[in-house]
């Protein structure tokens, strides 16, 4: 491994490092121009207020649920147990000992604060990032399943399967994703939830309809990617596999699909990177994904540039990580 790396380094032309220097100079010029532009706009930058949108300390108050007097305060280690005794009832509350704000014998009303404590909580951007990641992963998994099935049925000799897949692909690819999200949530979601409510089964959360809309949208594109990948494998390989006694399914599983997968990985990566960014449209159905969380943070802080720049960086982290993972898979598959 080390010798091959040294050989590649030795084989580089003399102009290689010159062009590396050109790239570095160009990158520095772009960053300098960006910094110059930020200094010229009339805007007060407040980066010091940004960390609260990642994590913050929240003060939680423990309030009394009954009227009465503080009968006793028992401390055991770092925890204090406050007993409030009313006319016909009593209640006990556990509070960190350092946060107790009442004394024994003090008269308490419903809603009065007995004590408080601080707790770290995730900020808006972390909440949105987590939901974006969860939705994107689920939509990717379901999109791959739909795409593989669709790619196989698209090549089927059965006209019902083939034509159904063709209609699905053309309808999904020919209509805006925003419209599909609205249809899934307001039309199909209403029907499903009404049926579930009629049988007492509860309701499906909104973000599941977001997953469904993204999965169906991605599935249509993956269908065409899978179909093109399968058709790029020479037909003679299928004939050779069938002549060796393999069934059609075995030939697809062991001969055609492994080769097709190597060819469809790059377009699949591009599709799923787009899927992560397309999830920003789910804010229209009140799903607090990353972009909607950023808009809420901007509304609360009036810091549009800082928050949206961080939002873009978080999307870049997700997409770059996926891109590196796919490149790693490509290298592994090329070696195997």
C-alpha atoms as a PDB file:
ATOM      1  CA  UNK A   1       0.000   0.000   0.000  1.00  0.00           C
ATOM      2  CA  UNK A   2       2.799   2.399   0.982  1.00  0.00           C
ATOM      3  CA  UNK A   3       4.893   1.583  -2.093  1.00  0.00           C
ATOM      4  CA  UNK A   4       1.944   2.097  -4.454  1.00  0.00           C
ATOM      5  CA  UNK A   5       1.268   5.468  -2.815  1.00  0.00           C
ATOM      6  CA  UNK A   6       4.925   6.443  -3.276  1.00  0.00           C
ATOM      7  CA  UNK A   7       4.772   5.340  -6.912  1.00  0.00           C
ATOM      8  CA  UNK A   8       1.711   7.525  -7.530  1.00  0.00           C
ATOM      9  CA  UNK A   9       3.489  10.478  -5.907  1.00  0.00           C
ATOM     10  CA  UNK A  10       6.600   9.952  -8.043  1.00  0.00           C
ATOM     11  CA  UNK A  11       4.516   9.684 -11.224  1.00  0.00           C
ATOM     12  CA  UNK A  12       2.963  13.134 -10.776  1.00  0.00           C
ATOM     13  CA  UNK A  13       4.066  15.748 -13.333  1.00  0.00           C
ATOM     14  CA  UNK A  14       6.204  18.688 -12.233  1.00  0.00           C
ATOM     15  CA  UNK A  15       3.312  21.100 -12.763  1.00  0.00           C
ATOM     16  CA  UNK A  16       1.142  19.244 -10.206  1.00  0.00           C
ATOM     17  CA  UNK A  17       2.260  21.259  -7.185  1.00  0.00           C
ATOM     18  CA  UNK A  18       2.066  24.479  -9.170  1.00  0.00           C
ATOM     19  CA  UNK A  19      -1.639  23.850  -9.837  1.00  0.00           C
ATOM     20  CA  UNK A  20      -2.149  22.909  -6.169  1.00  0.00           C
ATOM     21  CA  UNK A  21      -0.776  26.344  -5.323  1.00  0.00           C
ATOM     22  CA  UNK A  22      -3.126  27.943  -7.886  1.00  0.00           C
ATOM     23  CA  UNK A  23      -6.073  26.224  -6.243  1.00  0.00           C
ATOM     24  CA  UNK A  24      -5.023  27.394  -2.757  1.00  0.00           C
ATOM     25  CA  UNK A  25      -4.587  30.978  -3.971  1.00  0.00           C
ATOM     26  CA  UNK A  26      -8.010  30.876  -5.657  1.00  0.00           C
ATOM     27  CA  UNK A  27      -9.618  29.539  -2.457  1.00  0.00           C
ATOM     28  CA  UNK A  28      -7.980  32.292  -0.395  1.00  0.00           C
ATOM     29  CA  UNK A  29      -9.184  34.947  -2.860  1.00  0.00           C
ATOM     30  CA  UNK A  30     -12.771  33.646  -2.656  1.00  0.00           C
ATOM     31  CA  UNK A  31     -12.681  33.624   1.154  1.00  0.00           C
ATOM     32  CA  UNK A  32     -11.183  37.115   1.179  1.00  0.00           C
ATOM     33  CA  UNK A  33     -13.894  38.441  -1.146  1.00  0.00           C
ATOM     34  CA  UNK A  34     -16.561  36.813   1.039  1.00  0.00           C
ATOM     35  CA  UNK A  35     -15.095  38.409   4.160  1.00  0.00           C
ATOM     36  CA  UNK A  36     -14.876  41.795   2.410  1.00  0.00           C
ATOM     37  CA  UNK A  37     -18.547  41.531   1.394  1.00  0.00           C
ATOM     38  CA  UNK A  38     -19.617  40.742   4.966  1.00  0.00           C
ATOM     39  CA  UNK A  39     -17.825  43.853   6.216  1.00  0.00           C
ATOM     40  CA  UNK A  40     -19.459  46.116   3.655  1.00  0.00           C
ATOM     41  CA  UNK A  41     -23.108  45.282   4.407  1.00  0.00           C
ATOM     42  CA  UNK A  42     -24.864  47.228   7.150  1.00  0.00           C
ATOM     43  CA  UNK A  43     -25.439  44.359   9.526  1.00  0.00           C
ATOM     44  CA  UNK A  44     -24.467  43.707  13.142  1.00  0.00           C
ATOM     45  CA  UNK A  45     -22.953  40.225  13.357  1.00  0.00           C
ATOM     46  CA  UNK A  46     -23.777  38.435  16.625  1.00  0.00           C
ATOM     47  CA  UNK A  47     -22.099  35.053  16.441  1.00  0.00           C
ATOM     48  CA  UNK A  48     -21.955  34.925  20.242  1.00  0.00           C
ATOM     49  CA  UNK A  49     -25.715  34.291  20.344  1.00  0.00           C
ATOM     50  CA  UNK A  50     -25.549  31.331  17.962  1.00  0.00           C
ATOM     51  CA  UNK A  51     -24.569  28.509  20.414  1.00  0.00           C
ATOM     52  CA  UNK A  52     -28.005  28.547  22.082  1.00  0.00           C
ATOM     53  CA  UNK A  53     -29.467  27.147  18.853  1.00  0.00           C
ATOM     54  CA  UNK A  54     -27.306  24.056  19.304  1.00  0.00           C
ATOM     55  CA  UNK A  55     -27.672  23.527  23.061  1.00  0.00           C
ATOM     56  CA  UNK A  56     -28.772  25.651  26.001  1.00  0.00           C
ATOM     57  CA  UNK A  57     -29.451  25.443  29.728  1.00  0.00           C
ATOM     58  CA  UNK A  58     -33.136  25.603  30.531  1.00  0.00           C
ATOM     59  CA  UNK A  59     -34.502  26.460  33.983  1.00  0.00           C
ATOM     60  CA  UNK A  60     -37.291  24.083  34.977  1.00  0.00           C
ATOM     61  CA  UNK A  61     -39.633  25.128  37.790  1.00  0.00           C
ATOM     62  CA  UNK A  62     -41.309  22.589  40.059  1.00  0.00           C
ATOM     63  CA  UNK A  63     -44.745  23.931  41.031  1.00  0.00           C
ATOM     64  CA  UNK A  64     -47.259  22.809  43.603  1.00  0.00           C
ATOM     65  CA  UNK A  65     -50.365  20.973  42.452  1.00  0.00           C
ATOM     66  CA  UNK A  66     -52.360  21.581  45.651  1.00  0.00           C
ATOM     67  CA  UNK A  67     -53.052  24.318  48.188  1.00  0.00           C
ATOM     68  CA  UNK A  68     -51.562  23.856  51.638  1.00  0.00           C
ATOM     69  CA  UNK A  69     -48.500  24.310  53.839  1.00  0.00           C
ATOM     70  CA  UNK A  70     -44.974  22.960  53.466  1.00  0.00           C
ATOM     71  CA  UNK A  71     -45.108  20.180  56.042  1.00  0.00           C
ATOM     72  CA  UNK A  72     -41.508  19.016  55.688  1.00  0.00           C
ATOM     73  CA  UNK A  73     -38.357  19.306  53.592  1.00  0.00           C
ATOM     74  CA  UNK A  74     -36.237  16.152  53.722  1.00  0.00           C
ATOM     75  CA  UNK A  75     -32.771  16.272  52.163  1.00  0.00           C
ATOM     76  CA  UNK A  76     -30.987  13.097  51.129  1.00  0.00           C
ATOM     77  CA  UNK A  77     -27.746  13.695  49.289  1.00  0.00           C
ATOM     78  CA  UNK A  78     -28.355  16.086  46.396  1.00  0.00           C
ATOM     79  CA  UNK A  79     -32.136  15.501  46.368  1.00  0.00           C
ATOM     80  CA  UNK A  80     -34.748  17.182  48.552  1.00  0.00           C
ATOM     81  CA  UNK A  81     -38.287  15.879  49.077  1.00  0.00           C
ATOM     82  CA  UNK A  82     -40.855  18.592  49.777  1.00  0.00           C
ATOM     83  CA  UNK A  83     -44.165  17.499  51.302  1.00  0.00           C
ATOM     84  CA  UNK A  84     -47.090  19.868  50.891  1.00  0.00           C
ATOM     85  CA  UNK A  85     -50.084  19.116  53.145  1.00  0.00           C
ATOM     86  CA  UNK A  86     -53.519  20.513  52.381  1.00  0.00           C
ATOM     87  CA  UNK A  87     -56.859  20.160  54.120  1.00  0.00           C
ATOM     88  CA  UNK A  88     -57.780  16.772  52.690  1.00  0.00           C
ATOM     89  CA  UNK A  89     -54.716  15.734  50.746  1.00  0.00           C
ATOM     90  CA  UNK A  90     -50.938  15.879  50.598  1.00  0.00           C
ATOM     91  CA  UNK A  91     -48.330  15.632  47.873  1.00  0.00           C
ATOM     92  CA  UNK A  92     -44.569  15.116  47.700  1.00  0.00           C
ATOM     93  CA  UNK A  93     -42.178  16.640  45.197  1.00  0.00           C
ATOM     94  CA  UNK A  94     -38.546  15.726  44.546  1.00  0.00           C
ATOM     95  CA  UNK A  95     -36.241  18.650  43.751  1.00  0.00           C
ATOM     96  CA  UNK A  96     -32.458  19.079  43.639  1.00  0.00           C
ATOM     97  CA  UNK A  97     -31.453  20.280  47.089  1.00  0.00           C
ATOM     98  CA  UNK A  98     -29.675  23.364  45.741  1.00  0.00           C
ATOM     99  CA  UNK A  99     -32.827  24.556  43.969  1.00  0.00           C
ATOM    100  CA  UNK A 100     -35.305  24.563  46.871  1.00  0.00           C
ATOM    101  CA  UNK A 101     -36.988  27.970  47.175  1.00  0.00           C
ATOM    102  CA  UNK A 102     -39.492  27.429  50.051  1.00  0.00           C
ATOM    103  CA  UNK A 103     -39.225  26.894  53.795  1.00  0.00           C
ATOM    104  CA  UNK A 104     -41.046  24.594  56.185  1.00  0.00           C
ATOM    105  CA  UNK A 105     -44.391  25.993  57.335  1.00  0.00           C
ATOM    106  CA  UNK A 106     -44.715  28.297  54.343  1.00  0.00           C
ATOM    107  CA  UNK A 107     -48.232  28.592  52.856  1.00  0.00           C
ATOM    108  CA  UNK A 108     -48.429  27.339  49.267  1.00  0.00           C
ATOM    109  CA  UNK A 109     -51.051  27.857  46.557  1.00  0.00           C
ATOM    110  CA  UNK A 110     -51.561  25.884  43.344  1.00  0.00           C
ATOM    111  CA  UNK A 111     -48.919  26.910  40.808  1.00  0.00           C
ATOM    112  CA  UNK A 112     -46.459  28.349  43.324  1.00  0.00           C
ATOM    113  CA  UNK A 113     -42.810  27.486  42.640  1.00  0.00           C
ATOM    114  CA  UNK A 114     -41.300  25.047  45.140  1.00  0.00           C
ATOM    115  CA  UNK A 115     -37.889  24.973  43.521  1.00  0.00           C
ATOM    116  CA  UNK A 116     -36.078  24.850  40.217  1.00  0.00           C
ATOM    117  CA  UNK A 117     -33.169  23.218  38.447  1.00  0.00           C
ATOM    118  CA  UNK A 118     -31.289  23.658  35.195  1.00  0.00           C
ATOM    119  CA  UNK A 119     -31.070  21.085  32.433  1.00  0.00           C
ATOM    120  CA  UNK A 120     -29.234  21.012  29.118  1.00  0.00           C
ATOM    121  CA  UNK A 121     -31.589  20.812  26.125  1.00  0.00           C
ATOM    122  CA  UNK A 122     -30.955  20.585  22.385  1.00  0.00           C
ATOM    123  CA  UNK A 123     -31.394  23.810  20.455  1.00  0.00           C
ATOM    124  CA  UNK A 124     -33.624  24.392  17.451  1.00  0.00           C
ATOM    125  CA  UNK A 125     -30.934  23.597  14.884  1.00  0.00           C
ATOM    126  CA  UNK A 126     -30.034  20.280  16.530  1.00  0.00           C
ATOM    127  CA  UNK A 127     -33.728  19.307  16.740  1.00  0.00           C
ATOM    128  CA  UNK A 128     -34.177  20.169  13.063  1.00  0.00           C
ATOM    129  CA  UNK A 129     -30.949  18.385  12.072  1.00  0.00           C
ATOM    130  CA  UNK A 130     -31.991  15.198  13.871  1.00  0.00           C
ATOM    131  CA  UNK A 131     -35.448  15.184  12.254  1.00  0.00           C
ATOM    132  CA  UNK A 132     -33.957  15.898   8.819  1.00  0.00           C
ATOM    133  CA  UNK A 133     -31.500  13.038   9.270  1.00  0.00           C
ATOM    134  CA  UNK A 134     -34.205  10.633  10.456  1.00  0.00           C
ATOM    135  CA  UNK A 135     -36.588  11.506   7.617  1.00  0.00           C
ATOM    136  CA  UNK A 136     -33.821  11.359   4.996  1.00  0.00           C
ATOM    137  CA  UNK A 137     -32.574   7.931   6.152  1.00  0.00           C
ATOM    138  CA  UNK A 138     -36.071   6.417   6.190  1.00  0.00           C
ATOM    139  CA  UNK A 139     -36.988   7.987   2.845  1.00  0.00           C
ATOM    140  CA  UNK A 140     -33.729   6.704   1.346  1.00  0.00           C
ATOM    141  CA  UNK A 141     -34.356   3.145   2.555  1.00  0.00           C
ATOM    142  CA  UNK A 142     -37.933   3.083   1.258  1.00  0.00           C
ATOM    143  CA  UNK A 143     -36.889   4.872  -1.948  1.00  0.00           C
ATOM    144  CA  UNK A 144     -34.266   2.202  -2.672  1.00  0.00           C
ATOM    145  CA  UNK A 145     -36.811  -0.575  -2.079  1.00  0.00           C
ATOM    146  CA  UNK A 146     -39.355   1.123  -4.357  1.00  0.00           C
ATOM    147  CA  UNK A 147     -36.673   1.818  -6.972  1.00  0.00           C
ATOM    148  CA  UNK A 148     -35.359  -1.746  -7.107  1.00  0.00           C
ATOM    149  CA  UNK A 149     -38.860  -3.195  -7.405  1.00  0.00           C
ATOM    150  CA  UNK A 150     -39.790  -0.533  -9.947  1.00  0.00           C
ATOM    151  CA  UNK A 151     -36.620  -1.099 -11.979  1.00  0.00           C
ATOM    152  CA  UNK A 152     -37.323  -4.841 -12.216  1.00  0.00           C
ATOM    153  CA  UNK A 153     -41.014  -4.382 -13.074  1.00  0.00           C
ATOM    154  CA  UNK A 154     -40.064  -1.705 -15.617  1.00  0.00           C
ATOM    155  CA  UNK A 155     -38.165  -4.438 -17.514  1.00  0.00           C
ATOM    156  CA  UNK A 156     -40.846  -7.068 -16.985  1.00  0.00           C
ATOM    157  CA  UNK A 157     -42.641  -8.729 -19.884  1.00  0.00           C
ATOM    158  CA  UNK A 158     -45.901  -8.435 -17.954  1.00  0.00           C
ATOM    159  CA  UNK A 159     -47.683  -5.406 -19.502  1.00  0.00           C
ATOM    160  CA  UNK A 160     -49.691  -4.635 -16.337  1.00  0.00           C
ATOM    161  CA  UNK A 161     -46.537  -4.362 -14.207  1.00  0.00           C
ATOM    162  CA  UNK A 162     -44.557  -2.557 -16.885  1.00  0.00           C
ATOM    163  CA  UNK A 163     -47.225   0.011 -17.761  1.00  0.00           C
ATOM    164  CA  UNK A 164     -48.101   0.659 -14.115  1.00  0.00           C
ATOM    165  CA  UNK A 165     -44.455   1.398 -13.360  1.00  0.00           C
ATOM    166  CA  UNK A 166     -44.181   3.654 -16.421  1.00  0.00           C
ATOM    167  CA  UNK A 167     -47.245   5.665 -15.351  1.00  0.00           C
ATOM    168  CA  UNK A 168     -45.889   5.942 -11.790  1.00  0.00           C
ATOM    169  CA  UNK A 169     -42.499   7.170 -12.991  1.00  0.00           C
ATOM    170  CA  UNK A 170     -43.897   9.718 -15.435  1.00  0.00           C
ATOM    171  CA  UNK A 171     -46.487  11.108 -12.994  1.00  0.00           C
ATOM    172  CA  UNK A 172     -44.032  11.461 -10.108  1.00  0.00           C
ATOM    173  CA  UNK A 173     -41.189  12.894 -12.182  1.00  0.00           C
ATOM    174  CA  UNK A 174     -43.542  15.182 -14.091  1.00  0.00           C
ATOM    175  CA  UNK A 175     -45.123  16.890 -11.061  1.00  0.00           C
ATOM    176  CA  UNK A 176     -43.544  19.183  -8.437  1.00  0.00           C
ATOM    177  CA  UNK A 177     -42.482  17.607  -5.152  1.00  0.00           C
ATOM    178  CA  UNK A 178     -44.239  20.391  -3.242  1.00  0.00           C
ATOM    179  CA  UNK A 179     -47.577  19.393  -4.765  1.00  0.00           C
ATOM    180  CA  UNK A 180     -46.941  15.740  -3.934  1.00  0.00           C
ATOM    181  CA  UNK A 181     -46.198  16.617  -0.291  1.00  0.00           C
ATOM    182  CA  UNK A 182     -49.487  18.536  -0.052  1.00  0.00           C
ATOM    183  CA  UNK A 183     -51.413  15.634  -1.615  1.00  0.00           C
ATOM    184  CA  UNK A 184     -49.852  13.130   0.776  1.00  0.00           C
ATOM    185  CA  UNK A 185     -50.571  15.242   3.838  1.00  0.00           C
ATOM    186  CA  UNK A 186     -53.924  16.899   3.152  1.00  0.00           C
ATOM    187  CA  UNK A 187     -55.629  14.267   0.969  1.00  0.00           C
ATOM    188  CA  UNK A 188     -54.135  10.831   1.615  1.00  0.00           C
ATOM    189  CA  UNK A 189     -53.251  11.747   5.204  1.00  0.00           C
ATOM    190  CA  UNK A 190     -56.808  12.850   5.942  1.00  0.00           C
ATOM    191  CA  UNK A 191     -58.237   9.636   4.487  1.00  0.00           C
ATOM    192  CA  UNK A 192     -55.822   7.366   6.385  1.00  0.00           C
ATOM    193  CA  UNK A 193     -56.271   9.181   9.683  1.00  0.00           C
ATOM    194  CA  UNK A 194     -60.054   9.147   9.376  1.00  0.00           C
ATOM    195  CA  UNK A 195     -59.998   5.396   8.770  1.00  0.00           C
ATOM    196  CA  UNK A 196     -57.655   4.812  11.694  1.00  0.00           C
ATOM    197  CA  UNK A 197     -59.747   7.034  13.975  1.00  0.00           C
ATOM    198  CA  UNK A 198     -62.901   5.145  13.002  1.00  0.00           C
ATOM    199  CA  UNK A 199     -61.332   1.948  14.350  1.00  0.00           C
ATOM    200  CA  UNK A 200     -59.772   3.656  17.379  1.00  0.00           C
ATOM    201  CA  UNK A 201     -56.189   3.205  16.171  1.00  0.00           C
ATOM    202  CA  UNK A 202     -55.018   6.798  16.646  1.00  0.00           C
ATOM    203  CA  UNK A 203     -53.402   9.017  14.028  1.00  0.00           C
ATOM    204  CA  UNK A 204     -50.238   8.827  11.925  1.00  0.00           C
ATOM    205  CA  UNK A 205     -47.794  11.688  12.715  1.00  0.00           C
ATOM    206  CA  UNK A 206     -47.256  14.268   9.980  1.00  0.00           C
ATOM    207  CA  UNK A 207     -43.590  13.427   9.496  1.00  0.00           C
ATOM    208  CA  UNK A 208     -44.490   9.917   8.296  1.00  0.00           C
ATOM    209  CA  UNK A 209     -46.372  11.509   5.393  1.00  0.00           C
ATOM    210  CA  UNK A 210     -43.236  13.528   4.717  1.00  0.00           C
ATOM    211  CA  UNK A 211     -41.231  10.288   4.593  1.00  0.00           C
ATOM    212  CA  UNK A 212     -43.817   8.722   2.262  1.00  0.00           C
ATOM    213  CA  UNK A 213     -43.811  11.671  -0.146  1.00  0.00           C
ATOM    214  CA  UNK A 214     -40.012  11.804  -0.312  1.00  0.00           C
ATOM    215  CA  UNK A 215     -39.715   8.021  -0.679  1.00  0.00           C
ATOM    216  CA  UNK A 216     -42.207   7.917  -3.552  1.00  0.00           C
ATOM    217  CA  UNK A 217     -40.498  10.886  -5.208  1.00  0.00           C
ATOM    218  CA  UNK A 218     -37.031   9.346  -4.900  1.00  0.00           C
ATOM    219  CA  UNK A 219     -38.347   5.898  -5.856  1.00  0.00           C
ATOM    220  CA  UNK A 220     -39.397   7.132  -9.300  1.00  0.00           C
ATOM    221  CA  UNK A 221     -35.879   8.385 -10.071  1.00  0.00           C
ATOM    222  CA  UNK A 222     -34.224   5.311  -8.556  1.00  0.00           C
ATOM    223  CA  UNK A 223     -36.476   3.156 -10.743  1.00  0.00           C
ATOM    224  CA  UNK A 224     -35.011   4.715 -13.885  1.00  0.00           C
ATOM    225  CA  UNK A 225     -31.477   4.549 -12.471  1.00  0.00           C
ATOM    226  CA  UNK A 226     -31.869   0.836 -11.705  1.00  0.00           C
ATOM    227  CA  UNK A 227     -33.435   0.164 -15.116  1.00  0.00           C
ATOM    228  CA  UNK A 228     -30.573   1.932 -16.905  1.00  0.00           C
ATOM    229  CA  UNK A 229     -28.004   0.092 -14.780  1.00  0.00           C
ATOM    230  CA  UNK A 230     -29.507  -3.319 -15.571  1.00  0.00           C
ATOM    231  CA  UNK A 231     -29.795  -2.572 -19.279  1.00  0.00           C
ATOM    232  CA  UNK A 232     -26.139  -1.435 -19.363  1.00  0.00           C
ATOM    233  CA  UNK A 233     -25.072  -5.032 -18.607  1.00  0.00           C
ATOM    234  CA  UNK A 234     -24.629  -7.000 -21.821  1.00  0.00           C
ATOM    235  CA  UNK A 235     -27.520  -9.325 -22.564  1.00  0.00           C
ATOM    236  CA  UNK A 236     -25.118 -12.173 -23.192  1.00  0.00           C
ATOM    237  CA  UNK A 237     -24.414 -12.439 -19.466  1.00  0.00           C
ATOM    238  CA  UNK A 238     -28.047 -13.200 -18.738  1.00  0.00           C
ATOM    239  CA  UNK A 239     -28.109 -15.767 -21.528  1.00  0.00           C
ATOM    240  CA  UNK A 240     -24.914 -17.363 -20.201  1.00  0.00           C
ATOM    241  CA  UNK A 241     -26.345 -17.554 -16.688  1.00  0.00           C
ATOM    242  CA  UNK A 242     -29.580 -19.125 -17.939  1.00  0.00           C
ATOM    243  CA  UNK A 243     -27.605 -21.642 -20.019  1.00  0.00           C
ATOM    244  CA  UNK A 244     -25.824 -22.725 -16.806  1.00  0.00           C
ATOM    245  CA  UNK A 245     -29.179 -23.632 -15.276  1.00  0.00           C
ATOM    246  CA  UNK A 246     -29.859 -20.472 -13.266  1.00  0.00           C
ATOM    247  CA  UNK A 247     -33.372 -19.148 -13.018  1.00  0.00           C
ATOM    248  CA  UNK A 248     -34.144 -15.554 -14.025  1.00  0.00           C
ATOM    249  CA  UNK A 249     -34.212 -14.500 -10.366  1.00  0.00           C
ATOM    250  CA  UNK A 250     -30.896 -16.190  -9.581  1.00  0.00           C
ATOM    251  CA  UNK A 251     -29.245 -14.629 -12.628  1.00  0.00           C
ATOM    252  CA  UNK A 252     -30.458 -11.171 -11.594  1.00  0.00           C
ATOM    253  CA  UNK A 253     -29.359 -11.667  -7.988  1.00  0.00           C
ATOM    254  CA  UNK A 254     -25.911 -13.191  -8.513  1.00  0.00           C
ATOM    255  CA  UNK A 255     -24.813 -11.951 -11.960  1.00  0.00           C
ATOM    256  CA  UNK A 256     -26.626  -8.830 -13.172  1.00  0.00           C
ATOM    257  CA  UNK A 257     -27.441  -6.809 -10.033  1.00  0.00           C
ATOM    258  CA  UNK A 258     -23.926  -6.867  -8.468  1.00  0.00           C
ATOM    259  CA  UNK A 259     -22.473  -5.461 -11.686  1.00  0.00           C
ATOM    260  CA  UNK A 260     -25.292  -2.974 -12.144  1.00  0.00           C
ATOM    261  CA  UNK A 261     -24.890  -1.735  -8.566  1.00  0.00           C
ATOM    262  CA  UNK A 262     -21.329  -0.600  -9.274  1.00  0.00           C
ATOM    263  CA  UNK A 263     -22.556   1.494 -12.184  1.00  0.00           C
ATOM    264  CA  UNK A 264     -25.574   3.031 -10.452  1.00  0.00           C
ATOM    265  CA  UNK A 265     -23.846   4.053  -7.192  1.00  0.00           C
ATOM    266  CA  UNK A 266     -22.755   7.550  -8.409  1.00  0.00           C
ATOM    267  CA  UNK A 267     -26.210   8.572  -9.739  1.00  0.00           C
ATOM    268  CA  UNK A 268     -27.825   7.059  -6.625  1.00  0.00           C
ATOM    269  CA  UNK A 269     -25.569   9.184  -4.428  1.00  0.00           C
ATOM    270  CA  UNK A 270     -26.562  12.293  -6.365  1.00  0.00           C
ATOM    271  CA  UNK A 271     -30.236  11.409  -6.000  1.00  0.00           C
ATOM    272  CA  UNK A 272     -30.036  10.912  -2.252  1.00  0.00           C
ATOM    273  CA  UNK A 273     -28.011  14.098  -1.770  1.00  0.00           C
ATOM    274  CA  UNK A 274     -30.846  15.892  -3.553  1.00  0.00           C
ATOM    275  CA  UNK A 275     -33.314  14.063  -1.310  1.00  0.00           C
ATOM    276  CA  UNK A 276     -31.666  15.487   1.827  1.00  0.00           C
ATOM    277  CA  UNK A 277     -32.023  19.004   0.428  1.00  0.00           C
ATOM    278  CA  UNK A 278     -35.567  18.351  -0.814  1.00  0.00           C
ATOM    279  CA  UNK A 279     -36.588  17.530   2.756  1.00  0.00           C
ATOM    280  CA  UNK A 280     -36.505  21.301   3.384  1.00  0.00           C
ATOM    281  CA  UNK A 281     -39.905  21.483   1.648  1.00  0.00           C
ATOM    282  CA  UNK A 282     -41.538  19.513   4.468  1.00  0.00           C
ATOM    283  CA  UNK A 283     -41.794  22.681   6.538  1.00  0.00           C
ATOM    284  CA  UNK A 284     -44.948  23.489   4.574  1.00  0.00           C
ATOM    285  CA  UNK A 285     -46.781  20.734   6.485  1.00  0.00           C
ATOM    286  CA  UNK A 286     -45.464  21.937   9.868  1.00  0.00           C
ATOM    287  CA  UNK A 287     -42.610  19.434  10.150  1.00  0.00           C
ATOM    288  CA  UNK A 288     -39.748  21.061  12.055  1.00  0.00           C
ATOM    289  CA  UNK A 289     -36.942  19.896   9.818  1.00  0.00           C
ATOM    290  CA  UNK A 290     -33.683  21.827   9.598  1.00  0.00           C
ATOM    291  CA  UNK A 291     -34.842  24.670   7.345  1.00  0.00           C
ATOM    292  CA  UNK A 292     -38.051  25.278   9.301  1.00  0.00           C
ATOM    293  CA  UNK A 293     -36.081  25.193  12.568  1.00  0.00           C
ATOM    294  CA  UNK A 294     -33.712  27.790  11.086  1.00  0.00           C
ATOM    295  CA  UNK A 295     -36.655  30.005  10.109  1.00  0.00           C
ATOM    296  CA  UNK A 296     -38.015  29.766  13.648  1.00  0.00           C
ATOM    297  CA  UNK A 297     -34.581  30.688  15.035  1.00  0.00           C
ATOM    298  CA  UNK A 298     -34.412  33.703  12.691  1.00  0.00           C
ATOM    299  CA  UNK A 299     -37.879  34.836  13.786  1.00  0.00           C
ATOM    300  CA  UNK A 300     -36.841  34.655  17.452  1.00  0.00           C
ATOM    301  CA  UNK A 301     -33.362  36.174  17.123  1.00  0.00           C
ATOM    302  CA  UNK A 302     -33.511  38.430  14.034  1.00  0.00           C
ATOM    303  CA  UNK A 303     -30.163  36.953  12.946  1.00  0.00           C
ATOM    304  CA  UNK A 304     -30.851  35.709   9.395  1.00  0.00           C
ATOM    305  CA  UNK A 305     -27.274  35.599   8.093  1.00  0.00           C
ATOM    306  CA  UNK A 306     -25.724  33.711  11.008  1.00  0.00           C
ATOM    307  CA  UNK A 307     -28.547  31.175  11.320  1.00  0.00           C
ATOM    308  CA  UNK A 308     -28.956  30.447   7.610  1.00  0.00           C
ATOM    309  CA  UNK A 309     -25.177  30.160   7.144  1.00  0.00           C
ATOM    310  CA  UNK A 310     -25.094  27.558   9.922  1.00  0.00           C
ATOM    311  CA  UNK A 311     -28.096  25.830   8.341  1.00  0.00           C
ATOM    312  CA  UNK A 312     -26.196  25.611   5.032  1.00  0.00           C
ATOM    313  CA  UNK A 313     -23.115  24.234   6.818  1.00  0.00           C
ATOM    314  CA  UNK A 314     -25.210  21.525   8.524  1.00  0.00           C
ATOM    315  CA  UNK A 315     -26.716  20.487   5.163  1.00  0.00           C
ATOM    316  CA  UNK A 316     -23.190  20.415   3.734  1.00  0.00           C
ATOM    317  CA  UNK A 317     -22.056  18.134   6.569  1.00  0.00           C
ATOM    318  CA  UNK A 318     -24.891  15.690   5.815  1.00  0.00           C
ATOM    319  CA  UNK A 319     -24.385  15.657   2.052  1.00  0.00           C
ATOM    320  CA  UNK A 320     -20.565  15.555   2.240  1.00  0.00           C
ATOM    321  CA  UNK A 321     -20.708  12.625   4.672  1.00  0.00           C
ATOM    322  CA  UNK A 322     -23.014  10.734   2.296  1.00  0.00           C
ATOM    323  CA  UNK A 323     -20.740  11.541  -0.646  1.00  0.00           C
ATOM    324  CA  UNK A 324     -17.658  10.240   1.205  1.00  0.00           C
ATOM    325  CA  UNK A 325     -19.550   7.077   2.207  1.00  0.00           C
ATOM    326  CA  UNK A 326     -20.515   6.382  -1.396  1.00  0.00           C
ATOM    327  CA  UNK A 327     -16.948   6.958  -2.582  1.00  0.00           C
ATOM    328  CA  UNK A 328     -15.750   4.486   0.048  1.00  0.00           C
ATOM    329  CA  UNK A 329     -18.291   1.926  -1.184  1.00  0.00           C
ATOM    330  CA  UNK A 330     -17.169   2.497  -4.770  1.00  0.00           C
ATOM    331  CA  UNK A 331     -13.542   1.800  -3.839  1.00  0.00           C
ATOM    332  CA  UNK A 332     -14.508  -1.311  -1.862  1.00  0.00           C
ATOM    333  CA  UNK A 333     -16.599  -2.655  -4.739  1.00  0.00           C
ATOM    334  CA  UNK A 334     -13.854  -1.876  -7.255  1.00  0.00           C
ATOM    335  CA  UNK A 335     -11.363  -3.871  -5.147  1.00  0.00           C
ATOM    336  CA  UNK A 336     -13.734  -6.809  -4.701  1.00  0.00           C
END
